[in-house]
Amino acid sequence: MENLTRLDSFPVDVWFDEAMQVIEFIQQVHMKTNIIGTSGGVIVAINMH
């Protein structure tokens, strides 16, 4: 079993980084989308726009 380290806190730009990953995924699968996610996911959708 691996030795895993836990974060003390999330990086300030964690939502932006996750939004960039989502954008790349959508482009790779040629998906058309306007809004992604709800609640916490809304922050990702806003960052994508």
C-alpha atoms as a PDB file:
ATOM      1  CA  MET A   1       0.000   0.000   0.000  1.00  0.00           C
ATOM      2  CA  GLU A   2       1.265   3.465  -0.904  1.00  0.00           C
ATOM      3  CA  ASN A   3       2.135   6.116   1.621  1.00  0.00           C
ATOM      4  CA  LEU A   4      -0.352   8.911   0.865  1.00  0.00           C
ATOM      5  CA  THR A   5       0.027  12.469   2.085  1.00  0.00           C
ATOM      6  CA  ARG A   6      -3.008  14.612   2.805  1.00  0.00           C
ATOM      7  CA  LEU A   7      -3.267  18.274   1.877  1.00  0.00           C
ATOM      8  CA  ASP A   8      -3.440  20.841   4.659  1.00  0.00           C
ATOM      9  CA  SER A   9      -5.381  23.076   2.276  1.00  0.00           C
ATOM     10  CA  PHE A  10      -6.302  23.246  -1.383  1.00  0.00           C
ATOM     11  CA  PRO A  11      -4.301  25.476  -3.728  1.00  0.00           C
ATOM     12  CA  VAL A  12      -5.918  28.873  -4.355  1.00  0.00           C
ATOM     13  CA  ASP A  13      -6.427  28.095  -8.052  1.00  0.00           C
ATOM     14  CA  VAL A  14      -7.781  24.556  -7.646  1.00  0.00           C
ATOM     15  CA  TRP A  15     -11.113  25.428  -9.314  1.00  0.00           C
ATOM     16  CA  PHE A  16      -9.367  27.078 -12.255  1.00  0.00           C
ATOM     17  CA  ASP A  17      -7.104  24.051 -12.728  1.00  0.00           C
ATOM     18  CA  GLU A  18     -10.088  21.693 -12.612  1.00  0.00           C
ATOM     19  CA  ALA A  19     -11.934  23.896 -15.122  1.00  0.00           C
ATOM     20  CA  MET A  20      -8.973  23.649 -17.500  1.00  0.00           C
ATOM     21  CA  GLN A  21      -9.054  19.845 -17.196  1.00  0.00           C
ATOM     22  CA  VAL A  22     -12.790  19.785 -17.961  1.00  0.00           C
ATOM     23  CA  ILE A  23     -12.320  22.041 -20.993  1.00  0.00           C
ATOM     24  CA  GLU A  24      -9.587  19.766 -22.340  1.00  0.00           C
ATOM     25  CA  PHE A  25     -11.757  16.684 -21.817  1.00  0.00           C
ATOM     26  CA  ILE A  26     -14.725  18.291 -23.604  1.00  0.00           C
ATOM     27  CA  GLN A  27     -12.518  19.260 -26.527  1.00  0.00           C
ATOM     28  CA  GLN A  28     -11.001  15.767 -26.751  1.00  0.00           C
ATOM     29  CA  VAL A  29     -14.402  14.047 -26.906  1.00  0.00           C
ATOM     30  CA  HIS A  30     -15.877  16.756 -29.175  1.00  0.00           C
ATOM     31  CA  MET A  31     -18.734  17.422 -26.767  1.00  0.00           C
ATOM     32  CA  LYS A  32     -20.921  20.537 -27.064  1.00  0.00           C
ATOM     33  CA  THR A  33     -21.884  22.041 -23.732  1.00  0.00           C
ATOM     34  CA  ASN A  34     -23.088  25.262 -22.150  1.00  0.00           C
ATOM     35  CA  ILE A  35     -23.089  24.567 -18.415  1.00  0.00           C
ATOM     36  CA  ILE A  36     -21.383  21.821 -16.472  1.00  0.00           C
ATOM     37  CA  GLY A  37     -22.128  20.870 -12.906  1.00  0.00           C
ATOM     38  CA  THR A  38     -24.189  22.269 -10.061  1.00  0.00           C
ATOM     39  CA  SER A  39     -23.375  23.578  -6.622  1.00  0.00           C
ATOM     40  CA  GLY A  40     -19.555  23.439  -6.322  1.00  0.00           C
ATOM     41  CA  GLY A  41     -19.365  22.522 -10.013  1.00  0.00           C
ATOM     42  CA  VAL A  42     -20.844  25.885 -10.940  1.00  0.00           C
ATOM     43  CA  ILE A  43     -17.532  27.492 -10.036  1.00  0.00           C
ATOM     44  CA  VAL A  44     -15.876  25.249 -12.635  1.00  0.00           C
ATOM     45  CA  ALA A  45     -18.477  26.179 -15.236  1.00  0.00           C
ATOM     46  CA  ILE A  46     -17.961  29.889 -14.564  1.00  0.00           C
ATOM     47  CA  ASN A  47     -14.201  29.482 -14.926  1.00  0.00           C
ATOM     48  CA  MET A  48     -14.719  27.745 -18.255  1.00  0.00           C
ATOM     49  CA  HIS A  49     -16.668  30.621 -19.750  1.00  0.00           C
END
